[in-house]
Each structure stands twice: as structure tokens, then as C-alpha cells.
Amino acid sequence: MEYEKFKKLLVNKEQTNVDFKFESHAFASKLEYPKAELVKDICAMANNGNISSYLIFGVSDDVKNFASVQNSKLTDENIQSLLKTAIYPPPTVRVFKKTG
């Protein structure tokens, strides 16, 4: 994702196709709840029809606080594997990481 697109998403705040999550513990915890929460959020975004939707981690709901995503297990591979078993048909998901 281009940085300009990211800034535009922040300015427009949360909408039906944009959701901010300050953090996620999916895959970093042995509890199932964090994974279920991630699946719920992705499923909601996947049901927006043919609209590109964004689940952005490291941003608070009010867009006033930002944090680096500390969950190293929140990867494209782990998310794709989870979705294949949790949602049918599994939605297409791409993970973008901005470093530096």
C-alpha cells in the first residue's frame, strides 16, 4: 500500500470498509479468542461487497495513537491458513507492512 493511500485512510477515519485496531494478539496467544476476533473482523470486511476494505493495525479508533505492531506472528501465511479453515469461501487478504 502506498503511503499516500494510508494517509487518506487515516484522514477519512473508520468507515464500513476501514477498521483500526491498536493491537492484535492472534497467533501470539494460546487463547482462541484473539484468532476468533481477527476472523470476525476480516469476515465483516469481506462482506462489504466488491469494495476494497482495510483492517489497519497499530492505529487507535480515534486515530490519535499509533504503535508498532509487536505481534511477529501476525503474518500473511498465518492469516491465510486461519481463513482457509474459518471462512468459506476464504476471502483474498494481503498483508502490507511498513518498516522504517
PDB file of N, CA and C in Angstrom:
ATOM      1  N   MET A   1       0.845  -1.167   0.000  1.00  0.00           N
ATOM      2  CA  MET A   1       0.000   0.000   0.000  1.00  0.00           C
ATOM      3  C   MET A   1       0.892   1.232   0.000  1.00  0.00           C
ATOM      4  N   GLU A   2       0.560   2.155  -0.824  1.00  0.00           N
ATOM      5  CA  GLU A   2       1.320   3.394  -0.884  1.00  0.00           C
ATOM      6  C   GLU A   2       1.036   4.248   0.351  1.00  0.00           C
ATOM      7  N   TYR A   3       2.041   4.989   0.762  1.00  0.00           N
ATOM      8  CA  TYR A   3       1.917   5.818   1.959  1.00  0.00           C
ATOM      9  C   TYR A   3       0.798   6.853   1.810  1.00  0.00           C
ATOM     10  N   GLU A   4       0.629   7.410   0.626  1.00  0.00           N
ATOM     11  CA  GLU A   4      -0.428   8.409   0.401  1.00  0.00           C
ATOM     12  C   GLU A   4      -1.807   7.791   0.613  1.00  0.00           C
ATOM     13  N   LYS A   5      -2.001   6.556   0.169  1.00  0.00           N
ATOM     14  CA  LYS A   5      -3.275   5.845   0.375  1.00  0.00           C
ATOM     15  C   LYS A   5      -3.509   5.643   1.866  1.00  0.00           C
ATOM     16  N   PHE A   6      -2.458   5.255   2.585  1.00  0.00           N
ATOM     17  CA  PHE A   6      -2.549   5.056   4.028  1.00  0.00           C
ATOM     18  C   PHE A   6      -2.974   6.352   4.730  1.00  0.00           C
ATOM     19  N   LYS A   7      -2.336   7.468   4.365  1.00  0.00           N
ATOM     20  CA  LYS A   7      -2.685   8.757   4.977  1.00  0.00           C
ATOM     21  C   LYS A   7      -4.143   9.122   4.695  1.00  0.00           C
ATOM     22  N   LYS A   8      -4.610   8.846   3.506  1.00  0.00           N
ATOM     23  CA  LYS A   8      -6.001   9.140   3.149  1.00  0.00           C
ATOM     24  C   LYS A   8      -6.966   8.308   3.992  1.00  0.00           C
ATOM     25  N   LEU A   9      -6.628   7.042   4.218  1.00  0.00           N
ATOM     26  CA  LEU A   9      -7.462   6.192   5.063  1.00  0.00           C
ATOM     27  C   LEU A   9      -7.524   6.739   6.489  1.00  0.00           C
ATOM     28  N   LEU A  10      -6.405   7.245   6.988  1.00  0.00           N
ATOM     29  CA  LEU A  10      -6.384   7.812   8.339  1.00  0.00           C
ATOM     30  C   LEU A  10      -7.251   9.064   8.433  1.00  0.00           C
ATOM     31  N   VAL A  11      -7.160   9.923   7.443  1.00  0.00           N
ATOM     32  CA  VAL A  11      -7.924  11.174   7.438  1.00  0.00           C
ATOM     33  C   VAL A  11      -9.422  10.898   7.389  1.00  0.00           C
ATOM     34  N   ASN A  12      -9.815   9.894   6.612  1.00  0.00           N
ATOM     35  CA  ASN A  12     -11.237   9.583   6.467  1.00  0.00           C
ATOM     36  C   ASN A  12     -11.801   8.802   7.652  1.00  0.00           C
ATOM     37  N   LYS A  13     -10.932   8.360   8.543  1.00  0.00           N
ATOM     38  CA  LYS A  13     -11.294   7.634   9.766  1.00  0.00           C
ATOM     39  C   LYS A  13     -12.019   6.324   9.463  1.00  0.00           C
ATOM     40  N   GLU A  14     -12.551   5.693  10.526  1.00  0.00           N
ATOM     41  CA  GLU A  14     -13.209   4.403  10.353  1.00  0.00           C
ATOM     42  C   GLU A  14     -14.506   4.560   9.566  1.00  0.00           C
ATOM     43  N   GLN A  15     -14.723   3.591   8.693  1.00  0.00           N
ATOM     44  CA  GLN A  15     -15.931   3.527   7.878  1.00  0.00           C
ATOM     45  C   GLN A  15     -16.303   2.054   7.743  1.00  0.00           C
ATOM     46  N   THR A  16     -17.303   1.755   6.928  1.00  0.00           N
ATOM     47  CA  THR A  16     -17.687   0.356   6.756  1.00  0.00           C
ATOM     48  C   THR A  16     -16.574  -0.470   6.122  1.00  0.00           C
ATOM     49  N   ASN A  17     -15.675   0.180   5.393  1.00  0.00           N
ATOM     50  CA  ASN A  17     -14.587  -0.565   4.755  1.00  0.00           C
ATOM     51  C   ASN A  17     -13.208  -0.256   5.350  1.00  0.00           C
ATOM     52  N   VAL A  18     -13.170   0.441   6.471  1.00  0.00           N
ATOM     53  CA  VAL A  18     -11.908   0.753   7.150  1.00  0.00           C
ATOM     54  C   VAL A  18     -12.102   0.560   8.652  1.00  0.00           C
ATOM     55  N   ASP A  19     -11.251  -0.265   9.251  1.00  0.00           N
ATOM     56  CA  ASP A  19     -11.326  -0.516  10.686  1.00  0.00           C
ATOM     57  C   ASP A  19      -9.915  -0.445  11.262  1.00  0.00           C
ATOM     58  N   PHE A  20      -9.758   0.283  12.348  1.00  0.00           N
ATOM     59  CA  PHE A  20      -8.466   0.410  13.012  1.00  0.00           C
ATOM     60  C   PHE A  20      -8.426  -0.491  14.236  1.00  0.00           C
ATOM     61  N   LYS A  21      -7.311  -1.158  14.437  1.00  0.00           N
ATOM     62  CA  LYS A  21      -7.070  -1.995  15.610  1.00  0.00           C
ATOM     63  C   LYS A  21      -5.727  -1.578  16.181  1.00  0.00           C
ATOM     64  N   PHE A  22      -5.722  -1.183  17.435  1.00  0.00           N
ATOM     65  CA  PHE A  22      -4.475  -0.748  18.041  1.00  0.00           C
ATOM     66  C   PHE A  22      -3.490  -1.901  18.157  1.00  0.00           C
ATOM     67  N   GLU A  23      -4.026  -3.116  18.427  1.00  0.00           N
ATOM     68  CA  GLU A  23      -3.165  -4.285  18.536  1.00  0.00           C
ATOM     69  C   GLU A  23      -3.971  -5.546  18.260  1.00  0.00           C
ATOM     70  N   SER A  24      -3.273  -6.631  18.035  1.00  0.00           N
ATOM     71  CA  SER A  24      -3.895  -7.938  17.855  1.00  0.00           C
ATOM     72  C   SER A  24      -2.985  -8.982  18.474  1.00  0.00           C
ATOM     73  N   HIS A  25      -3.591  -9.902  19.194  1.00  0.00           N
ATOM     74  CA  HIS A  25      -2.822 -10.968  19.829  1.00  0.00           C
ATOM     75  C   HIS A  25      -3.037 -12.305  19.133  1.00  0.00           C
ATOM     76  N   ALA A  26      -3.700 -12.280  17.954  1.00  0.00           N
ATOM     77  CA  ALA A  26      -3.914 -13.515  17.203  1.00  0.00           C
ATOM     78  C   ALA A  26      -2.569 -14.158  16.893  1.00  0.00           C
ATOM     79  N   PHE A  27      -2.494 -15.445  17.099  1.00  0.00           N
ATOM     80  CA  PHE A  27      -1.300 -16.265  16.863  1.00  0.00           C
ATOM     81  C   PHE A  27      -0.213 -16.062  17.915  1.00  0.00           C
ATOM     82  N   ALA A  28      -0.263 -15.009  18.702  1.00  0.00           N
ATOM     83  CA  ALA A  28       0.746 -14.771  19.735  1.00  0.00           C
ATOM     84  C   ALA A  28       0.279 -15.312  21.080  1.00  0.00           C
ATOM     85  N   SER A  29      -0.975 -15.687  21.153  1.00  0.00           N
ATOM     86  CA  SER A  29      -1.556 -16.191  22.384  1.00  0.00           C
ATOM     87  C   SER A  29      -2.067 -17.608  22.147  1.00  0.00           C
ATOM     88  N   LYS A  30      -2.075 -18.413  23.193  1.00  0.00           N
ATOM     89  CA  LYS A  30      -2.625 -19.769  23.077  1.00  0.00           C
ATOM     90  C   LYS A  30      -4.151 -19.742  23.145  1.00  0.00           C
ATOM     91  N   LEU A  31      -4.712 -18.604  23.515  1.00  0.00           N
ATOM     92  CA  LEU A  31      -6.162 -18.477  23.588  1.00  0.00           C
ATOM     93  C   LEU A  31      -6.759 -18.390  22.188  1.00  0.00           C
ATOM     94  N   GLU A  32      -7.949 -18.910  22.015  1.00  0.00           N
ATOM     95  CA  GLU A  32      -8.624 -18.878  20.720  1.00  0.00           C
ATOM     96  C   GLU A  32      -9.318 -17.539  20.465  1.00  0.00           C
ATOM     97  N   TYR A  33      -9.655 -16.806  21.522  1.00  0.00           N
ATOM     98  CA  TYR A  33     -10.398 -15.556  21.352  1.00  0.00           C
ATOM     99  C   TYR A  33      -9.716 -14.560  20.407  1.00  0.00           C
ATOM    100  N   PRO A  34      -8.411 -14.328  20.529  1.00  0.00           N
ATOM    101  CA  PRO A  34      -7.783 -13.367  19.611  1.00  0.00           C
ATOM    102  C   PRO A  34      -7.897 -13.771  18.137  1.00  0.00           C
ATOM    103  N   LYS A  35      -7.799 -15.066  17.856  1.00  0.00           N
ATOM    104  CA  LYS A  35      -7.967 -15.526  16.476  1.00  0.00           C
ATOM    105  C   LYS A  35      -9.411 -15.338  16.020  1.00  0.00           C
ATOM    106  N   ALA A  36     -10.343 -15.672  16.900  1.00  0.00           N
ATOM    107  CA  ALA A  36     -11.768 -15.519  16.569  1.00  0.00           C
ATOM    108  C   ALA A  36     -12.103 -14.059  16.302  1.00  0.00           C
ATOM    109  N   GLU A  37     -11.528 -13.170  17.064  1.00  0.00           N
ATOM    110  CA  GLU A  37     -11.749 -11.730  16.877  1.00  0.00           C
ATOM    111  C   GLU A  37     -11.211 -11.284  15.514  1.00  0.00           C
ATOM    112  N   LEU A  38     -10.045 -11.775  15.141  1.00  0.00           N
ATOM    113  CA  LEU A  38      -9.473 -11.441  13.839  1.00  0.00           C
ATOM    114  C   LEU A  38     -10.347 -11.977  12.714  1.00  0.00           C
ATOM    115  N   VAL A  39     -10.809 -13.217  12.834  1.00  0.00           N
ATOM    116  CA  VAL A  39     -11.689 -13.809  11.820  1.00  0.00           C
ATOM    117  C   VAL A  39     -12.970 -12.996  11.699  1.00  0.00           C
ATOM    118  N   LYS A  40     -13.547 -12.597  12.818  1.00  0.00           N
ATOM    119  CA  LYS A  40     -14.774 -11.792  12.807  1.00  0.00           C
ATOM    120  C   LYS A  40     -14.554 -10.486  12.060  1.00  0.00           C
ATOM    121  N   ASP A  41     -13.456  -9.829  12.341  1.00  0.00           N
ATOM    122  CA  ASP A  41     -13.166  -8.546  11.685  1.00  0.00           C
ATOM    123  C   ASP A  41     -12.947  -8.718  10.179  1.00  0.00           C
ATOM    124  N   ILE A  42     -12.219  -9.748   9.801  1.00  0.00           N
ATOM    125  CA  ILE A  42     -11.973  -9.982   8.375  1.00  0.00           C
ATOM    126  C   ILE A  42     -13.266 -10.390   7.670  1.00  0.00           C
ATOM    127  N   CYS A  43     -14.066 -11.197   8.313  1.00  0.00           N
ATOM    128  CA  CYS A  43     -15.339 -11.612   7.730  1.00  0.00           C
ATOM    129  C   CYS A  43     -16.244 -10.399   7.495  1.00  0.00           C
ATOM    130  N   ALA A  44     -16.277  -9.489   8.447  1.00  0.00           N
ATOM    131  CA  ALA A  44     -17.081  -8.272   8.291  1.00  0.00           C
ATOM    132  C   ALA A  44     -16.597  -7.461   7.098  1.00  0.00           C
ATOM    133  N   MET A  45     -15.293  -7.336   6.963  1.00  0.00           N
ATOM    134  CA  MET A  45     -14.736  -6.585   5.836  1.00  0.00           C
ATOM    135  C   MET A  45     -15.006  -7.299   4.510  1.00  0.00           C
ATOM    136  N   ALA A  46     -14.966  -8.620   4.521  1.00  0.00           N
ATOM    137  CA  ALA A  46     -15.194  -9.396   3.296  1.00  0.00           C
ATOM    138  C   ALA A  46     -16.636  -9.284   2.818  1.00  0.00           C
ATOM    139  N   ASN A  47     -17.535  -8.937   3.706  1.00  0.00           N
ATOM    140  CA  ASN A  47     -18.947  -8.819   3.350  1.00  0.00           C
ATOM    141  C   ASN A  47     -19.330  -7.411   2.904  1.00  0.00           C
ATOM    142  N   ASN A  48     -18.365  -6.613   2.529  1.00  0.00           N
ATOM    143  CA  ASN A  48     -18.624  -5.259   2.024  1.00  0.00           C
ATOM    144  C   ASN A  48     -18.899  -5.256   0.527  1.00  0.00           C
ATOM    145  N   GLY A  49     -19.095  -6.411  -0.056  1.00  0.00           N
ATOM    146  CA  GLY A  49     -19.313  -6.472  -1.499  1.00  0.00           C
ATOM    147  C   GLY A  49     -17.994  -6.393  -2.231  1.00  0.00           C
ATOM    148  N   ASN A  50     -17.985  -5.716  -3.317  1.00  0.00           N
ATOM    149  CA  ASN A  50     -16.792  -5.634  -4.155  1.00  0.00           C
ATOM    150  C   ASN A  50     -15.963  -4.396  -3.852  1.00  0.00           C
ATOM    151  N   ILE A  51     -15.991  -3.952  -2.608  1.00  0.00           N
ATOM    152  CA  ILE A  51     -15.259  -2.757  -2.182  1.00  0.00           C
ATOM    153  C   ILE A  51     -13.981  -3.186  -1.472  1.00  0.00           C
ATOM    154  N   SER A  52     -12.871  -2.584  -1.836  1.00  0.00           N
ATOM    155  CA  SER A  52     -11.630  -2.852  -1.103  1.00  0.00           C
ATOM    156  C   SER A  52     -11.810  -2.394   0.334  1.00  0.00           C
ATOM    157  N   SER A  53     -11.431  -3.260   1.264  1.00  0.00           N
ATOM    158  CA  SER A  53     -11.596  -2.959   2.681  1.00  0.00           C
ATOM    159  C   SER A  53     -10.256  -3.097   3.382  1.00  0.00           C
ATOM    160  N   TYR A  54     -10.106  -2.365   4.478  1.00  0.00           N
ATOM    161  CA  TYR A  54      -8.812  -2.287   5.160  1.00  0.00           C
ATOM    162  C   TYR A  54      -8.974  -2.474   6.654  1.00  0.00           C
ATOM    163  N   LEU A  55      -8.207  -3.387   7.202  1.00  0.00           N
ATOM    164  CA  LEU A  55      -8.098  -3.597   8.638  1.00  0.00           C
ATOM    165  C   LEU A  55      -6.677  -3.161   8.981  1.00  0.00           C
ATOM    166  N   ILE A  56      -6.554  -2.044   9.684  1.00  0.00           N
ATOM    167  CA  ILE A  56      -5.247  -1.429   9.905  1.00  0.00           C
ATOM    168  C   ILE A  56      -4.857  -1.569  11.372  1.00  0.00           C
ATOM    169  N   PHE A  57      -3.740  -2.255  11.600  1.00  0.00           N
ATOM    170  CA  PHE A  57      -3.239  -2.470  12.958  1.00  0.00           C
ATOM    171  C   PHE A  57      -2.233  -1.395  13.330  1.00  0.00           C
ATOM    172  N   GLY A  58      -2.227  -1.055  14.617  1.00  0.00           N
ATOM    173  CA  GLY A  58      -1.286  -0.063  15.116  1.00  0.00           C
ATOM    174  C   GLY A  58      -1.856   1.336  15.147  1.00  0.00           C
ATOM    175  N   VAL A  59      -3.172   1.453  14.944  1.00  0.00           N
ATOM    176  CA  VAL A  59      -3.833   2.757  14.952  1.00  0.00           C
ATOM    177  C   VAL A  59      -5.046   2.657  15.869  1.00  0.00           C
ATOM    178  N   SER A  60      -5.196   3.620  16.780  1.00  0.00           N
ATOM    179  CA  SER A  60      -6.349   3.624  17.673  1.00  0.00           C
ATOM    180  C   SER A  60      -7.597   4.070  16.914  1.00  0.00           C
ATOM    181  N   ASP A  61      -8.764   3.730  17.436  1.00  0.00           N
ATOM    182  CA  ASP A  61     -10.033   4.068  16.788  1.00  0.00           C
ATOM    183  C   ASP A  61     -10.184   5.561  16.532  1.00  0.00           C
ATOM    184  N   ASP A  62      -9.656   6.379  17.444  1.00  0.00           N
ATOM    185  CA  ASP A  62      -9.790   7.830  17.290  1.00  0.00           C
ATOM    186  C   ASP A  62      -8.650   8.435  16.455  1.00  0.00           C
ATOM    187  N   VAL A  63      -7.761   7.603  15.949  1.00  0.00           N
ATOM    188  CA  VAL A  63      -6.631   7.989  15.093  1.00  0.00           C
ATOM    189  C   VAL A  63      -5.700   8.985  15.796  1.00  0.00           C
ATOM    190  N   LYS A  64      -5.637   8.911  17.118  1.00  0.00           N
ATOM    191  CA  LYS A  64      -4.751   9.799  17.873  1.00  0.00           C
ATOM    192  C   LYS A  64      -3.526   9.067  18.408  1.00  0.00           C
ATOM    193  N   ASN A  65      -3.580   7.744  18.428  1.00  0.00           N
ATOM    194  CA  ASN A  65      -2.472   6.962  18.960  1.00  0.00           C
ATOM    195  C   ASN A  65      -2.026   5.942  17.928  1.00  0.00           C
ATOM    196  N   PHE A  66      -0.709   5.803  17.822  1.00  0.00           N
ATOM    197  CA  PHE A  66      -0.111   4.868  16.878  1.00  0.00           C
ATOM    198  C   PHE A  66       0.909   4.020  17.623  1.00  0.00           C
ATOM    199  N   ALA A  67       1.054   2.777  17.183  1.00  0.00           N
ATOM    200  CA  ALA A  67       2.035   1.887  17.803  1.00  0.00           C
ATOM    201  C   ALA A  67       2.550   0.912  16.762  1.00  0.00           C
ATOM    202  N   SER A  68       3.784   0.516  16.925  1.00  0.00           N
ATOM    203  CA  SER A  68       4.327  -0.535  16.073  1.00  0.00           C
ATOM    204  C   SER A  68       3.623  -1.835  16.422  1.00  0.00           C
ATOM    205  N   VAL A  69       3.385  -2.644  15.425  1.00  0.00           N
ATOM    206  CA  VAL A  69       2.759  -3.941  15.658  1.00  0.00           C
ATOM    207  C   VAL A  69       3.824  -4.870  16.214  1.00  0.00           C
ATOM    208  N   GLN A  70       3.631  -5.312  17.439  1.00  0.00           N
ATOM    209  CA  GLN A  70       4.622  -6.137  18.119  1.00  0.00           C
ATOM    210  C   GLN A  70       4.426  -7.627  17.881  1.00  0.00           C
ATOM    211  N   ASN A  71       3.292  -7.998  17.279  1.00  0.00           N
ATOM    212  CA  ASN A  71       2.970  -9.403  17.063  1.00  0.00           C
ATOM    213  C   ASN A  71       3.647  -9.902  15.783  1.00  0.00           C
ATOM    214  N   SER A  72       4.789 -10.535  15.921  1.00  0.00           N
ATOM    215  CA  SER A  72       5.536 -11.009  14.758  1.00  0.00           C
ATOM    216  C   SER A  72       4.860 -12.192  14.070  1.00  0.00           C
ATOM    217  N   LYS A  73       3.885 -12.803  14.735  1.00  0.00           N
ATOM    218  CA  LYS A  73       3.185 -13.948  14.152  1.00  0.00           C
ATOM    219  C   LYS A  73       1.942 -13.527  13.353  1.00  0.00           C
ATOM    220  N   LEU A  74       1.675 -12.249  13.300  1.00  0.00           N
ATOM    221  CA  LEU A  74       0.565 -11.732  12.510  1.00  0.00           C
ATOM    222  C   LEU A  74       1.049 -11.573  11.070  1.00  0.00           C
ATOM    223  N   THR A  75       1.178 -12.715  10.399  1.00  0.00           N
ATOM    224  CA  THR A  75       1.762 -12.742   9.059  1.00  0.00           C
ATOM    225  C   THR A  75       0.718 -13.146   8.028  1.00  0.00           C
ATOM    226  N   ASP A  76       1.038 -12.876   6.781  1.00  0.00           N
ATOM    227  CA  ASP A  76       0.172 -13.254   5.679  1.00  0.00           C
ATOM    228  C   ASP A  76      -0.087 -14.757   5.695  1.00  0.00           C
ATOM    229  N   GLU A  77       0.955 -15.536   5.864  1.00  0.00           N
ATOM    230  CA  GLU A  77       0.830 -17.001   5.866  1.00  0.00           C
ATOM    231  C   GLU A  77      -0.099 -17.486   6.972  1.00  0.00           C
ATOM    232  N   ASN A  78       0.085 -16.986   8.202  1.00  0.00           N
ATOM    233  CA  ASN A  78      -0.765 -17.404   9.314  1.00  0.00           C
ATOM    234  C   ASN A  78      -2.221 -16.983   9.108  1.00  0.00           C
ATOM    235  N   ILE A  79      -2.424 -15.784   8.608  1.00  0.00           N
ATOM    236  CA  ILE A  79      -3.788 -15.308   8.383  1.00  0.00           C
ATOM    237  C   ILE A  79      -4.464 -16.131   7.285  1.00  0.00           C
ATOM    238  N   GLN A  80      -3.762 -16.378   6.181  1.00  0.00           N
ATOM    239  CA  GLN A  80      -4.335 -17.171   5.094  1.00  0.00           C
ATOM    240  C   GLN A  80      -4.708 -18.575   5.577  1.00  0.00           C
ATOM    241  N   SER A  81      -3.841 -19.208   6.347  1.00  0.00           N
ATOM    242  CA  SER A  81      -4.124 -20.554   6.878  1.00  0.00           C
ATOM    243  C   SER A  81      -5.351 -20.536   7.777  1.00  0.00           C
ATOM    244  N   LEU A  82      -5.445 -19.549   8.629  1.00  0.00           N
ATOM    245  CA  LEU A  82      -6.594 -19.436   9.521  1.00  0.00           C
ATOM    246  C   LEU A  82      -7.882 -19.246   8.730  1.00  0.00           C
ATOM    247  N   LEU A  83      -7.863 -18.377   7.744  1.00  0.00           N
ATOM    248  CA  LEU A  83      -9.071 -18.087   6.973  1.00  0.00           C
ATOM    249  C   LEU A  83      -9.545 -19.289   6.168  1.00  0.00           C
ATOM    250  N   LYS A  84      -8.609 -20.125   5.710  1.00  0.00           N
ATOM    251  CA  LYS A  84      -8.993 -21.319   4.951  1.00  0.00           C
ATOM    252  C   LYS A  84      -9.826 -22.276   5.781  1.00  0.00           C
ATOM    253  N   THR A  85      -9.645 -22.249   7.091  1.00  0.00           N
ATOM    254  CA  THR A  85     -10.402 -23.148   7.968  1.00  0.00           C
ATOM    255  C   THR A  85     -11.590 -22.461   8.633  1.00  0.00           C
ATOM    256  N   ALA A  86     -11.657 -21.129   8.555  1.00  0.00           N
ATOM    257  CA  ALA A  86     -12.687 -20.407   9.308  1.00  0.00           C
ATOM    258  C   ALA A  86     -13.777 -19.778   8.457  1.00  0.00           C
ATOM    259  N   ILE A  87     -13.479 -19.448   7.212  1.00  0.00           N
ATOM    260  CA  ILE A  87     -14.445 -18.754   6.357  1.00  0.00           C
ATOM    261  C   ILE A  87     -14.494 -19.450   5.003  1.00  0.00           C
ATOM    262  N   TYR A  88     -15.725 -19.706   4.546  1.00  0.00           N
ATOM    263  CA  TYR A  88     -15.865 -20.297   3.216  1.00  0.00           C
ATOM    264  C   TYR A  88     -16.794 -19.451   2.377  1.00  0.00           C
ATOM    265  N   PRO A  89     -16.385 -19.086   1.184  1.00  0.00           N
ATOM    266  CA  PRO A  89     -15.038 -19.238   0.655  1.00  0.00           C
ATOM    267  C   PRO A  89     -14.100 -18.249   1.333  1.00  0.00           C
ATOM    268  N   PRO A  90     -12.849 -18.609   1.497  1.00  0.00           N
ATOM    269  CA  PRO A  90     -11.924 -17.689   2.171  1.00  0.00           C
ATOM    270  C   PRO A  90     -11.720 -16.426   1.338  1.00  0.00           C
ATOM    271  N   PRO A  91     -11.752 -15.275   1.996  1.00  0.00           N
ATOM    272  CA  PRO A  91     -11.532 -14.025   1.262  1.00  0.00           C
ATOM    273  C   PRO A  91     -10.066 -13.861   0.873  1.00  0.00           C
ATOM    274  N   THR A  92      -9.844 -13.050  -0.125  1.00  0.00           N
ATOM    275  CA  THR A  92      -8.480 -12.717  -0.524  1.00  0.00           C
ATOM    276  C   THR A  92      -7.965 -11.637   0.413  1.00  0.00           C
ATOM    277  N   VAL A  93      -6.847 -11.904   1.049  1.00  0.00           N
ATOM    278  CA  VAL A  93      -6.273 -10.976   2.020  1.00  0.00           C
ATOM    279  C   VAL A  93      -4.819 -10.741   1.658  1.00  0.00           C
ATOM    280  N   ARG A  94      -4.406  -9.480   1.729  1.00  0.00           N
ATOM    281  CA  ARG A  94      -2.992  -9.142   1.538  1.00  0.00           C
ATOM    282  C   ARG A  94      -2.520  -8.365   2.744  1.00  0.00           C
ATOM    283  N   VAL A  95      -1.357  -8.724   3.226  1.00  0.00           N
ATOM    284  CA  VAL A  95      -0.761  -8.040   4.379  1.00  0.00           C
ATOM    285  C   VAL A  95       0.307  -7.081   3.864  1.00  0.00           C
ATOM    286  N   PHE A  96       0.172  -5.823   4.261  1.00  0.00           N
ATOM    287  CA  PHE A  96       1.170  -4.813   3.925  1.00  0.00           C
ATOM    288  C   PHE A  96       1.872  -4.414   5.202  1.00  0.00           C
ATOM    289  N   LYS A  97       3.172  -4.360   5.156  1.00  0.00           N
ATOM    290  CA  LYS A  97       3.954  -3.933   6.321  1.00  0.00           C
ATOM    291  C   LYS A  97       4.786  -2.748   5.940  1.00  0.00           C
ATOM    292  N   LYS A  98       4.769  -1.763   6.778  1.00  0.00           N
ATOM    293  CA  LYS A  98       5.617  -0.587   6.581  1.00  0.00           C
ATOM    294  C   LYS A  98       6.680  -0.633   7.651  1.00  0.00           C
ATOM    295  N   THR A  99       7.917  -0.675   7.237  1.00  0.00           N
ATOM    296  CA  THR A  99       9.018  -0.683   8.197  1.00  0.00           C
ATOM    297  C   THR A  99       9.850   0.579   7.997  1.00  0.00           C
ATOM    298  N   GLY A 100      10.482   0.948   9.072  1.00  0.00           N
ATOM    299  CA  GLY A 100      11.400   2.081   8.995  1.00  0.00           C
ATOM    300  C   GLY A 100      10.788   3.415   9.107  1.00  0.00           C
TER     301      GLY A 100
END
